[in-house]
PDB file of all heavy atoms in Angstrom:
ATOM      1  N   LEU A   1      -8.076  -5.400  -3.390  1.00  0.00           N
ATOM      2  CA  LEU A   1      -7.933  -5.432  -1.953  1.00  0.00           C
ATOM      3  C   LEU A   1      -6.576  -4.682  -1.600  1.00  0.00           C
ATOM      4  O   LEU A   1      -6.500  -3.952  -0.667  1.00  0.00           O
ATOM      5  CB  LEU A   1      -7.874  -6.834  -1.446  1.00  0.00           C
ATOM      6  CG  LEU A   1      -7.680  -7.093   0.080  1.00  0.00           C
ATOM      7  CD1 LEU A   1      -8.857  -6.420   0.807  1.00  0.00           C
ATOM      8  CD2 LEU A   1      -7.688  -8.567   0.398  1.00  0.00           C
ATOM      9  N   ARG A   2      -5.541  -5.031  -2.370  1.00  0.00           N
ATOM     10  CA  ARG A   2      -4.235  -4.534  -1.923  1.00  0.00           C
ATOM     11  C   ARG A   2      -4.093  -2.975  -2.156  1.00  0.00           C
ATOM     12  O   ARG A   2      -3.405  -2.359  -1.413  1.00  0.00           O
ATOM     13  CB  ARG A   2      -3.137  -5.298  -2.679  1.00  0.00           C
ATOM     14  CG  ARG A   2      -3.071  -6.760  -2.303  1.00  0.00           C
ATOM     15  CD  ARG A   2      -1.982  -7.456  -3.090  1.00  0.00           C
ATOM     16  NE  ARG A   2      -1.858  -8.849  -2.478  1.00  0.00           N
ATOM     17  CZ  ARG A   2      -0.969  -9.129  -1.513  1.00  0.00           C
ATOM     18  NH1 ARG A   2      -0.294  -8.200  -0.933  1.00  0.00           N
ATOM     19  NH2 ARG A   2      -0.923 -10.317  -1.082  1.00  0.00           N
ATOM     20  N   TYR A   3      -4.533  -2.527  -3.425  1.00  0.00           N
ATOM     21  CA  TYR A   3      -4.332  -1.150  -3.675  1.00  0.00           C
ATOM     22  C   TYR A   3      -5.649  -0.352  -3.409  1.00  0.00           C
ATOM     23  O   TYR A   3      -5.573   0.682  -2.622  1.00  0.00           O
ATOM     24  CB  TYR A   3      -3.881  -0.910  -5.149  1.00  0.00           C
ATOM     25  CG  TYR A   3      -3.786   0.572  -5.413  1.00  0.00           C
ATOM     26  CD1 TYR A   3      -2.606   1.232  -5.113  1.00  0.00           C
ATOM     27  CD2 TYR A   3      -4.738   1.272  -6.061  1.00  0.00           C
ATOM     28  CE1 TYR A   3      -2.457   2.508  -5.331  1.00  0.00           C
ATOM     29  CE2 TYR A   3      -4.608   2.604  -6.324  1.00  0.00           C
ATOM     30  CZ  TYR A   3      -3.476   3.215  -6.029  1.00  0.00           C
ATOM     31  OH  TYR A   3      -3.367   4.629  -6.302  1.00  0.00           O
ATOM     32  N   TRP A   4      -6.767  -0.666  -3.966  1.00  0.00           N
ATOM     33  CA  TRP A   4      -7.960   0.206  -3.816  1.00  0.00           C
ATOM     34  C   TRP A   4      -8.510   0.138  -2.419  1.00  0.00           C
ATOM     35  O   TRP A   4      -8.962   1.135  -1.893  1.00  0.00           O
ATOM     36  CB  TRP A   4      -9.001  -0.262  -4.902  1.00  0.00           C
ATOM     37  CG  TRP A   4      -8.632   0.016  -6.265  1.00  0.00           C
ATOM     38  CD1 TRP A   4      -8.319  -0.917  -7.260  1.00  0.00           C
ATOM     39  CD2 TRP A   4      -8.413   1.298  -6.900  1.00  0.00           C
ATOM     40  NE1 TRP A   4      -7.983  -0.182  -8.427  1.00  0.00           N
ATOM     41  CE2 TRP A   4      -8.056   1.116  -8.127  1.00  0.00           C
ATOM     42  CE3 TRP A   4      -8.590   2.633  -6.385  1.00  0.00           C
ATOM     43  CZ2 TRP A   4      -7.835   2.242  -9.059  1.00  0.00           C
ATOM     44  CZ3 TRP A   4      -8.328   3.700  -7.200  1.00  0.00           C
ATOM     45  CH2 TRP A   4      -7.985   3.470  -8.554  1.00  0.00           C
ATOM     46  N   GLY A   5      -8.337  -1.062  -1.739  1.00  0.00           N
ATOM     47  CA  GLY A   5      -8.757  -1.104  -0.357  1.00  0.00           C
ATOM     48  C   GLY A   5      -7.875  -0.235   0.498  1.00  0.00           C
ATOM     49  O   GLY A   5      -8.411   0.473   1.371  1.00  0.00           O
ATOM     50  N   ALA A   6      -6.589  -0.188   0.188  1.00  0.00           N
ATOM     51  CA  ALA A   6      -5.746   0.720   0.988  1.00  0.00           C
ATOM     52  C   ALA A   6      -6.078   2.142   0.709  1.00  0.00           C
ATOM     53  O   ALA A   6      -6.110   3.024   1.659  1.00  0.00           O
ATOM     54  CB  ALA A   6      -4.242   0.431   0.602  1.00  0.00           C
ATOM     55  N   LEU A   7      -6.275   2.532  -0.558  1.00  0.00           N
ATOM     56  CA  LEU A   7      -6.576   3.884  -0.866  1.00  0.00           C
ATOM     57  C   LEU A   7      -7.903   4.334  -0.181  1.00  0.00           C
ATOM     58  O   LEU A   7      -7.979   5.415   0.332  1.00  0.00           O
ATOM     59  CB  LEU A   7      -6.706   4.048  -2.409  1.00  0.00           C
ATOM     60  CG  LEU A   7      -6.916   5.394  -2.993  1.00  0.00           C
ATOM     61  CD1 LEU A   7      -5.629   6.243  -2.807  1.00  0.00           C
ATOM     62  CD2 LEU A   7      -7.280   5.363  -4.427  1.00  0.00           C
ATOM     63  N   ALA A   8      -8.917   3.497  -0.297  1.00  0.00           N
ATOM     64  CA  ALA A   8     -10.230   3.803   0.373  1.00  0.00           C
ATOM     65  C   ALA A   8     -10.050   3.973   1.899  1.00  0.00           C
ATOM     66  O   ALA A   8     -10.632   4.875   2.514  1.00  0.00           O
ATOM     67  CB  ALA A   8     -11.222   2.743  -0.001  1.00  0.00           C
ATOM     68  N   SER A   9      -9.222   3.100   2.464  1.00  0.00           N
ATOM     69  CA  SER A   9      -8.976   3.185   3.871  1.00  0.00           C
ATOM     70  C   SER A   9      -8.334   4.461   4.307  1.00  0.00           C
ATOM     71  O   SER A   9      -8.703   5.084   5.303  1.00  0.00           O
ATOM     72  CB  SER A   9      -8.115   1.980   4.341  1.00  0.00           C
ATOM     73  OG  SER A   9      -8.856   0.751   4.067  1.00  0.00           O
ATOM     74  N   ILE A  10      -7.373   4.878   3.534  1.00  0.00           N
ATOM     75  CA  ILE A  10      -6.696   6.173   3.760  1.00  0.00           C
ATOM     76  C   ILE A  10      -7.688   7.307   3.679  1.00  0.00           C
ATOM     77  O   ILE A  10      -7.719   8.203   4.483  1.00  0.00           O
ATOM     78  CB  ILE A  10      -5.499   6.347   2.784  1.00  0.00           C
ATOM     79  CG1 ILE A  10      -4.431   5.396   3.050  1.00  0.00           C
ATOM     80  CG2 ILE A  10      -4.984   7.747   2.886  1.00  0.00           C
ATOM     81  CD1 ILE A  10      -3.391   5.330   2.016  1.00  0.00           C
ATOM     82  N   LYS A  11      -8.507   7.326   2.657  1.00  0.00           N
ATOM     83  CA  LYS A  11      -9.436   8.345   2.371  1.00  0.00           C
ATOM     84  C   LYS A  11     -10.386   8.575   3.551  1.00  0.00           C
ATOM     85  O   LYS A  11     -10.664   9.644   3.977  1.00  0.00           O
ATOM     86  CB  LYS A  11     -10.265   8.049   1.143  1.00  0.00           C
ATOM     87  CG  LYS A  11     -11.411   9.059   0.841  1.00  0.00           C
ATOM     88  CD  LYS A  11     -12.176   8.707  -0.456  1.00  0.00           C
ATOM     89  CE  LYS A  11     -13.325   9.674  -0.660  1.00  0.00           C
ATOM     90  NZ  LYS A  11     -14.069   9.368  -1.953  1.00  0.00           N
ATOM     91  N   TYR A  12     -10.996   7.442   4.069  1.00  0.00           N
ATOM     92  CA  TYR A  12     -11.967   7.546   5.051  1.00  0.00           C
ATOM     93  C   TYR A  12     -11.385   7.520   6.474  1.00  0.00           C
ATOM     94  O   TYR A  12     -12.112   7.990   7.405  1.00  0.00           O
ATOM     95  CB  TYR A  12     -13.026   6.397   4.888  1.00  0.00           C
ATOM     96  CG  TYR A  12     -13.799   6.557   3.614  1.00  0.00           C
ATOM     97  CD1 TYR A  12     -13.645   5.574   2.590  1.00  0.00           C
ATOM     98  CD2 TYR A  12     -14.640   7.638   3.401  1.00  0.00           C
ATOM     99  CE1 TYR A  12     -14.293   5.669   1.399  1.00  0.00           C
ATOM    100  CE2 TYR A  12     -15.318   7.718   2.221  1.00  0.00           C
ATOM    101  CZ  TYR A  12     -15.114   6.798   1.195  1.00  0.00           C
ATOM    102  OH  TYR A  12     -15.824   6.948   0.003  1.00  0.00           O
ATOM    103  N   ALA A  13     -10.229   7.107   6.639  1.00  0.00           N
ATOM    104  CA  ALA A  13      -9.572   7.103   7.988  1.00  0.00           C
ATOM    105  C   ALA A  13      -9.025   8.447   8.312  1.00  0.00           C
ATOM    106  O   ALA A  13      -9.049   8.850   9.491  1.00  0.00           O
ATOM    107  CB  ALA A  13      -8.417   6.097   7.980  1.00  0.00           C
ATOM    108  N   THR A  14      -8.453   9.246   7.360  1.00  0.00           N
ATOM    109  CA  THR A  14      -7.788  10.455   7.580  1.00  0.00           C
ATOM    110  C   THR A  14      -8.475  11.401   8.564  1.00  0.00           C
ATOM    111  O   THR A  14      -7.852  11.990   9.433  1.00  0.00           O
ATOM    112  CB  THR A  14      -7.415  11.140   6.282  1.00  0.00           C
ATOM    113  OG1 THR A  14      -6.572  10.219   5.546  1.00  0.00           O
ATOM    114  CG2 THR A  14      -6.736  12.433   6.482  1.00  0.00           C
ATOM    115  N   PRO A  15      -9.855  11.662   8.382  1.00  0.00           N
ATOM    116  CA  PRO A  15     -10.432  12.596   9.298  1.00  0.00           C
ATOM    117  C   PRO A  15     -10.480  12.236  10.733  1.00  0.00           C
ATOM    118  O   PRO A  15     -10.634  13.079  11.564  1.00  0.00           O
ATOM    119  CB  PRO A  15     -11.879  12.683   8.801  1.00  0.00           C
ATOM    120  CG  PRO A  15     -11.762  12.294   7.358  1.00  0.00           C
ATOM    121  CD  PRO A  15     -10.671  11.229   7.325  1.00  0.00           C
ATOM    122  N   ASN A  16     -10.164  10.922  10.967  1.00  0.00           N
ATOM    123  CA  ASN A  16     -10.225  10.460  12.420  1.00  0.00           C
ATOM    124  C   ASN A  16      -8.898  10.331  13.112  1.00  0.00           C
ATOM    125  O   ASN A  16      -8.820   9.951  14.292  1.00  0.00           O
ATOM    126  CB  ASN A  16     -10.902   9.045  12.465  1.00  0.00           C
ATOM    127  CG  ASN A  16     -12.370   9.135  12.113  1.00  0.00           C
ATOM    128  OD1 ASN A  16     -13.045  10.221  12.048  1.00  0.00           O
ATOM    129  ND2 ASN A  16     -12.984   7.951  11.795  1.00  0.00           N
ATOM    130  N   ILE A  17      -7.817  10.582  12.410  1.00  0.00           N
ATOM    131  CA  ILE A  17      -6.471  10.429  12.842  1.00  0.00           C
ATOM    132  C   ILE A  17      -6.024  11.602  13.782  1.00  0.00           C
ATOM    133  O   ILE A  17      -6.120  12.712  13.379  1.00  0.00           O
ATOM    134  CB  ILE A  17      -5.438  10.176  11.775  1.00  0.00           C
ATOM    135  CG1 ILE A  17      -5.826   8.903  11.092  1.00  0.00           C
ATOM    136  CG2 ILE A  17      -4.071  10.126  12.336  1.00  0.00           C
ATOM    137  CD1 ILE A  17      -4.980   8.583   9.863  1.00  0.00           C
ATOM    138  N   ASN A  18      -5.653  11.303  15.043  1.00  0.00           N
ATOM    139  CA  ASN A  18      -5.290  12.296  16.013  1.00  0.00           C
ATOM    140  C   ASN A  18      -3.981  12.925  15.580  1.00  0.00           C
ATOM    141  O   ASN A  18      -3.187  12.441  14.848  1.00  0.00           O
ATOM    142  CB  ASN A  18      -5.171  11.628  17.398  1.00  0.00           C
ATOM    143  CG  ASN A  18      -6.428  11.271  17.941  1.00  0.00           C
ATOM    144  OD1 ASN A  18      -7.481  11.863  17.811  1.00  0.00           O
ATOM    145  ND2 ASN A  18      -6.432  10.093  18.784  1.00  0.00           N
ATOM    146  N   GLU A  19      -3.726  14.123  16.099  1.00  0.00           N
ATOM    147  CA  GLU A  19      -2.504  14.790  15.927  1.00  0.00           C
ATOM    148  C   GLU A  19      -1.318  13.942  16.385  1.00  0.00           C
ATOM    149  O   GLU A  19      -1.297  13.249  17.365  1.00  0.00           O
ATOM    150  CB  GLU A  19      -2.426  16.136  16.724  1.00  0.00           C
ATOM    151  CG  GLU A  19      -1.173  16.925  16.593  1.00  0.00           C
ATOM    152  CD  GLU A  19      -1.198  18.269  17.317  1.00  0.00           C
ATOM    153  OE1 GLU A  19      -2.255  18.516  17.938  1.00  0.00           O
ATOM    154  OE2 GLU A  19      -0.139  18.910  17.313  1.00  0.00           O
ATOM    155  N   GLY A  20      -0.300  13.849  15.461  1.00  0.00           N
ATOM    156  CA  GLY A  20       0.909  13.051  15.721  1.00  0.00           C
ATOM    157  C   GLY A  20       0.628  11.606  15.247  1.00  0.00           C
ATOM    158  O   GLY A  20       1.587  10.725  15.435  1.00  0.00           O
ATOM    159  N   GLY A  21      -0.470  11.308  14.612  1.00  0.00           N
ATOM    160  CA  GLY A  21      -0.743   9.990  14.112  1.00  0.00           C
ATOM    161  C   GLY A  21      -0.098   9.669  12.849  1.00  0.00           C
ATOM    162  O   GLY A  21       0.556  10.449  12.164  1.00  0.00           O
ATOM    163  N   SER A  22      -0.334   8.428  12.376  1.00  0.00           N
ATOM    164  CA  SER A  22       0.370   7.951  11.160  1.00  0.00           C
ATOM    165  C   SER A  22      -0.453   6.869  10.444  1.00  0.00           C
ATOM    166  O   SER A  22      -1.356   6.258  10.961  1.00  0.00           O
ATOM    167  CB  SER A  22       1.718   7.338  11.536  1.00  0.00           C
ATOM    168  OG  SER A  22       1.519   6.044  12.222  1.00  0.00           O
ATOM    169  N   ILE A  23      -0.112   6.694   9.149  1.00  0.00           N
ATOM    170  CA  ILE A  23      -0.631   5.723   8.298  1.00  0.00           C
ATOM    171  C   ILE A  23       0.507   4.836   7.817  1.00  0.00           C
ATOM    172  O   ILE A  23       1.518   5.376   7.382  1.00  0.00           O
ATOM    173  CB  ILE A  23      -1.354   6.314   7.089  1.00  0.00           C
ATOM    174  CG1 ILE A  23      -2.585   7.100   7.566  1.00  0.00           C
ATOM    175  CG2 ILE A  23      -1.770   5.195   6.081  1.00  0.00           C
ATOM    176  CD1 ILE A  23      -3.178   7.976   6.470  1.00  0.00           C
ATOM    177  N   ASN A  24       0.407   3.523   7.851  1.00  0.00           N
ATOM    178  CA  ASN A  24       1.480   2.629   7.502  1.00  0.00           C
ATOM    179  C   ASN A  24       1.004   1.607   6.589  1.00  0.00           C
ATOM    180  O   ASN A  24       0.079   0.829   6.858  1.00  0.00           O
ATOM    181  CB  ASN A  24       2.037   2.031   8.856  1.00  0.00           C
ATOM    182  CG  ASN A  24       2.398   3.063   9.843  1.00  0.00           C
ATOM    183  OD1 ASN A  24       3.517   3.545   9.803  1.00  0.00           O
ATOM    184  ND2 ASN A  24       1.475   3.439  10.686  1.00  0.00           N
ATOM    185  N   LEU A  25       1.717   1.449   5.479  1.00  0.00           N
ATOM    186  CA  LEU A  25       1.240   0.613   4.356  1.00  0.00           C
ATOM    187  C   LEU A  25       2.225  -0.564   4.160  1.00  0.00           C
ATOM    188  O   LEU A  25       3.395  -0.564   4.611  1.00  0.00           O
ATOM    189  CB  LEU A  25       1.237   1.466   3.079  1.00  0.00           C
ATOM    190  CG  LEU A  25       0.308   2.657   3.103  1.00  0.00           C
ATOM    191  CD1 LEU A  25       0.441   3.470   1.817  1.00  0.00           C
ATOM    192  CD2 LEU A  25      -1.135   2.287   3.381  1.00  0.00           C
ATOM    193  N   MET A  26       1.760  -1.523   3.424  1.00  0.00           N
ATOM    194  CA  MET A  26       2.573  -2.673   3.080  1.00  0.00           C
ATOM    195  C   MET A  26       3.008  -2.742   1.633  1.00  0.00           C
ATOM    196  O   MET A  26       2.205  -2.526   0.728  1.00  0.00           O
ATOM    197  CB  MET A  26       1.730  -3.969   3.330  1.00  0.00           C
ATOM    198  CG  MET A  26       2.479  -5.289   3.296  1.00  0.00           C
ATOM    199  SD  MET A  26       3.388  -5.504   4.810  1.00  0.00           S
ATOM    200  CE  MET A  26       5.063  -5.727   4.099  1.00  0.00           C
ATOM    201  N   SER A  27       4.288  -2.811   1.392  1.00  0.00           N
ATOM    202  CA  SER A  27       4.831  -2.880   0.120  1.00  0.00           C
ATOM    203  C   SER A  27       5.780  -4.105   0.067  1.00  0.00           C
ATOM    204  O   SER A  27       5.710  -4.995   0.869  1.00  0.00           O
ATOM    205  CB  SER A  27       5.617  -1.660  -0.309  1.00  0.00           C
ATOM    206  OG  SER A  27       6.058  -1.647  -1.611  1.00  0.00           O
ATOM    207  N   GLY A  28       6.683  -4.224  -0.952  1.00  0.00           N
ATOM    208  CA  GLY A  28       7.522  -5.372  -1.021  1.00  0.00           C
ATOM    209  C   GLY A  28       8.670  -5.151  -1.975  1.00  0.00           C
ATOM    210  O   GLY A  28       8.603  -4.245  -2.891  1.00  0.00           O
ATOM    211  N   THR A  29       9.743  -5.881  -1.889  1.00  0.00           N
ATOM    212  CA  THR A  29      10.899  -5.713  -2.698  1.00  0.00           C
ATOM    213  C   THR A  29      10.747  -6.321  -4.132  1.00  0.00           C
ATOM    214  O   THR A  29      11.600  -6.029  -4.922  1.00  0.00           O
ATOM    215  CB  THR A  29      12.128  -6.454  -2.015  1.00  0.00           C
ATOM    216  OG1 THR A  29      11.723  -7.864  -1.844  1.00  0.00           O
ATOM    217  CG2 THR A  29      12.479  -5.975  -0.686  1.00  0.00           C
ATOM    218  N   ALA A  30       9.583  -6.824  -4.425  1.00  0.00           N
ATOM    219  CA  ALA A  30       9.343  -7.195  -5.826  1.00  0.00           C
ATOM    220  C   ALA A  30       9.383  -5.987  -6.714  1.00  0.00           C
ATOM    221  O   ALA A  30       9.685  -6.190  -7.971  1.00  0.00           O
ATOM    222  CB  ALA A  30       7.969  -7.855  -5.996  1.00  0.00           C
ATOM    223  N   ASN A  31       9.116  -4.818  -6.252  1.00  0.00           N
ATOM    224  CA  ASN A  31       9.202  -3.632  -7.046  1.00  0.00           C
ATOM    225  C   ASN A  31      10.661  -3.220  -7.364  1.00  0.00           C
ATOM    226  O   ASN A  31      11.026  -2.842  -8.398  1.00  0.00           O
ATOM    227  CB  ASN A  31       8.533  -2.480  -6.328  1.00  0.00           C
ATOM    228  CG  ASN A  31       8.683  -1.190  -7.115  1.00  0.00           C
ATOM    229  OD1 ASN A  31       8.432  -1.059  -8.282  1.00  0.00           O
ATOM    230  ND2 ASN A  31       9.151  -0.069  -6.397  1.00  0.00           N
ATOM    231  N   GLN A  32      11.558  -3.509  -6.384  1.00  0.00           N
ATOM    232  CA  GLN A  32      12.990  -3.176  -6.603  1.00  0.00           C
ATOM    233  C   GLN A  32      13.723  -4.254  -7.327  1.00  0.00           C
ATOM    234  O   GLN A  32      14.627  -3.918  -8.113  1.00  0.00           O
ATOM    235  CB  GLN A  32      13.623  -2.996  -5.163  1.00  0.00           C
ATOM    236  CG  GLN A  32      13.060  -1.937  -4.295  1.00  0.00           C
ATOM    237  CD  GLN A  32      13.442  -1.947  -2.897  1.00  0.00           C
ATOM    238  OE1 GLN A  32      12.668  -2.550  -2.043  1.00  0.00           O
ATOM    239  NE2 GLN A  32      14.637  -1.453  -2.578  1.00  0.00           N
ATOM    240  N   ARG A  33      13.348  -5.518  -7.219  1.00  0.00           N
ATOM    241  CA  ARG A  33      14.079  -6.522  -7.894  1.00  0.00           C
ATOM    242  C   ARG A  33      13.151  -7.665  -8.118  1.00  0.00           C
ATOM    243  O   ARG A  33      13.083  -8.720  -7.579  1.00  0.00           O
ATOM    244  CB  ARG A  33      15.219  -7.050  -6.983  1.00  0.00           C
ATOM    245  CG  ARG A  33      16.123  -7.988  -7.777  1.00  0.00           C
ATOM    246  CD  ARG A  33      17.391  -8.305  -7.045  1.00  0.00           C
ATOM    247  NE  ARG A  33      18.223  -9.062  -7.923  1.00  0.00           N
ATOM    248  CZ  ARG A  33      19.422  -9.546  -7.515  1.00  0.00           C
ATOM    249  NH1 ARG A  33      19.860  -9.326  -6.310  1.00  0.00           N
ATOM    250  NH2 ARG A  33      20.195 -10.305  -8.385  1.00  0.00           N
ATOM    251  N   PRO A  34      12.338  -7.463  -9.194  1.00  0.00           N
ATOM    252  CA  PRO A  34      11.355  -8.523  -9.684  1.00  0.00           C
ATOM    253  C   PRO A  34      12.022  -9.773 -10.267  1.00  0.00           C
ATOM    254  O   PRO A  34      13.123  -9.586 -10.945  1.00  0.00           O
ATOM    255  CB  PRO A  34      10.392  -7.826 -10.549  1.00  0.00           C
ATOM    256  CG  PRO A  34      11.303  -6.783 -11.211  1.00  0.00           C
ATOM    257  CD  PRO A  34      12.236  -6.326 -10.092  1.00  0.00           C
ATOM    258  N   GLY A  35      11.386 -10.894 -10.152  1.00  0.00           N
ATOM    259  CA  GLY A  35      11.801 -12.085 -10.971  1.00  0.00           C
ATOM    260  C   GLY A  35      10.745 -12.475 -11.971  1.00  0.00           C
ATOM    261  O   GLY A  35       9.735 -11.875 -11.981  1.00  0.00           O
ATOM    262  N   ALA A  36      11.068 -13.493 -12.780  1.00  0.00           N
ATOM    263  CA  ALA A  36      10.084 -13.965 -13.763  1.00  0.00           C
ATOM    264  C   ALA A  36       8.883 -14.463 -12.992  1.00  0.00           C
ATOM    265  O   ALA A  36       8.970 -15.151 -11.967  1.00  0.00           O
ATOM    266  CB  ALA A  36      10.709 -15.081 -14.597  1.00  0.00           C
ATOM    267  N   GLY A  37       7.650 -14.075 -13.475  1.00  0.00           N
ATOM    268  CA  GLY A  37       6.370 -14.495 -12.804  1.00  0.00           C
ATOM    269  C   GLY A  37       5.978 -13.505 -11.759  1.00  0.00           C
ATOM    270  O   GLY A  37       4.949 -13.735 -11.135  1.00  0.00           O
ATOM    271  N   TRP A  38       6.724 -12.416 -11.538  1.00  0.00           N
ATOM    272  CA  TRP A  38       6.409 -11.493 -10.455  1.00  0.00           C
ATOM    273  C   TRP A  38       5.808 -10.253 -11.015  1.00  0.00           C
ATOM    274  O   TRP A  38       5.831  -9.200 -10.293  1.00  0.00           O
ATOM    275  CB  TRP A  38       7.620 -11.202  -9.673  1.00  0.00           C
ATOM    276  CG  TRP A  38       8.063 -12.295  -8.748  1.00  0.00           C
ATOM    277  CD1 TRP A  38       8.640 -13.508  -9.142  1.00  0.00           C
ATOM    278  CD2 TRP A  38       7.991 -12.353  -7.308  1.00  0.00           C
ATOM    279  NE1 TRP A  38       8.891 -14.257  -8.060  1.00  0.00           N
ATOM    280  CE2 TRP A  38       8.467 -13.526  -6.934  1.00  0.00           C
ATOM    281  CE3 TRP A  38       7.471 -11.454  -6.360  1.00  0.00           C
ATOM    282  CZ2 TRP A  38       8.577 -13.987  -5.564  1.00  0.00           C
ATOM    283  CZ3 TRP A  38       7.502 -11.892  -5.029  1.00  0.00           C
ATOM    284  CH2 TRP A  38       8.010 -13.111  -4.629  1.00  0.00           C
ATOM    285  N   ALA A  39       5.292 -10.164 -12.221  1.00  0.00           N
ATOM    286  CA  ALA A  39       4.824  -8.904 -12.834  1.00  0.00           C
ATOM    287  C   ALA A  39       3.681  -8.266 -11.966  1.00  0.00           C
ATOM    288  O   ALA A  39       3.839  -7.056 -11.710  1.00  0.00           O
ATOM    289  CB  ALA A  39       4.309  -9.152 -14.240  1.00  0.00           C
ATOM    290  N   LEU A  40       2.762  -8.984 -11.521  1.00  0.00           N
ATOM    291  CA  LEU A  40       1.718  -8.407 -10.708  1.00  0.00           C
ATOM    292  C   LEU A  40       2.179  -8.013  -9.319  1.00  0.00           C
ATOM    293  O   LEU A  40       1.786  -6.849  -8.866  1.00  0.00           O
ATOM    294  CB  LEU A  40       0.488  -9.409 -10.561  1.00  0.00           C
ATOM    295  CG  LEU A  40      -0.313  -9.727 -11.832  1.00  0.00           C
ATOM    296  CD1 LEU A  40      -1.372 -10.673 -11.560  1.00  0.00           C
ATOM    297  CD2 LEU A  40      -0.862  -8.429 -12.415  1.00  0.00           C
ATOM    298  N   ALA A  41       2.940  -8.838  -8.696  1.00  0.00           N
ATOM    299  CA  ALA A  41       3.463  -8.463  -7.395  1.00  0.00           C
ATOM    300  C   ALA A  41       4.306  -7.220  -7.512  1.00  0.00           C
ATOM    301  O   ALA A  41       4.300  -6.300  -6.655  1.00  0.00           O
ATOM    302  CB  ALA A  41       4.242  -9.566  -6.819  1.00  0.00           C
ATOM    303  N   SER A  42       5.205  -7.137  -8.555  1.00  0.00           N
ATOM    304  CA  SER A  42       6.050  -6.026  -8.722  1.00  0.00           C
ATOM    305  C   SER A  42       5.225  -4.739  -8.967  1.00  0.00           C
ATOM    306  O   SER A  42       5.467  -3.680  -8.483  1.00  0.00           O
ATOM    307  CB  SER A  42       6.987  -6.224  -9.932  1.00  0.00           C
ATOM    308  OG  SER A  42       7.814  -5.179 -10.100  1.00  0.00           O
ATOM    309  N   SER A  43       4.120  -4.886  -9.827  1.00  0.00           N
ATOM    310  CA  SER A  43       3.250  -3.730 -10.114  1.00  0.00           C
ATOM    311  C   SER A  43       2.598  -3.199  -8.853  1.00  0.00           C
ATOM    312  O   SER A  43       2.523  -1.996  -8.705  1.00  0.00           O
ATOM    313  CB  SER A  43       2.232  -4.143 -11.150  1.00  0.00           C
ATOM    314  OG  SER A  43       2.879  -4.543 -12.352  1.00  0.00           O
ATOM    315  N   ILE A  44       2.051  -4.067  -8.012  1.00  0.00           N
ATOM    316  CA  ILE A  44       1.320  -3.585  -6.876  1.00  0.00           C
ATOM    317  C   ILE A  44       2.285  -2.980  -5.898  1.00  0.00           C
ATOM    318  O   ILE A  44       1.925  -1.980  -5.155  1.00  0.00           O
ATOM    319  CB  ILE A  44       0.493  -4.656  -6.201  1.00  0.00           C
ATOM    320  CG1 ILE A  44      -0.487  -4.142  -5.107  1.00  0.00           C
ATOM    321  CG2 ILE A  44       1.339  -5.774  -5.593  1.00  0.00           C
ATOM    322  CD1 ILE A  44      -1.484  -3.200  -5.643  1.00  0.00           C
ATOM    323  N   CYS A  45       3.479  -3.534  -5.667  1.00  0.00           N
ATOM    324  CA  CYS A  45       4.418  -2.891  -4.825  1.00  0.00           C
ATOM    325  C   CYS A  45       4.933  -1.538  -5.297  1.00  0.00           C
ATOM    326  O   CYS A  45       5.053  -0.608  -4.504  1.00  0.00           O
ATOM    327  CB  CYS A  45       5.676  -3.859  -4.646  1.00  0.00           C
ATOM    328  SG  CYS A  45       5.311  -5.378  -3.764  1.00  0.00           S
TER     329      CYS A  45
END
């Protein structure tokens, strides 16, 4: 859901986006500073 869903959404949304439009995604600081138990969260971010 978090990665492949986003990728598919970008793929199929792009042809419909008007000039000046944007795509905005969700990430997190777990990638920048992970803690113990955060391996998956860090990886997806």
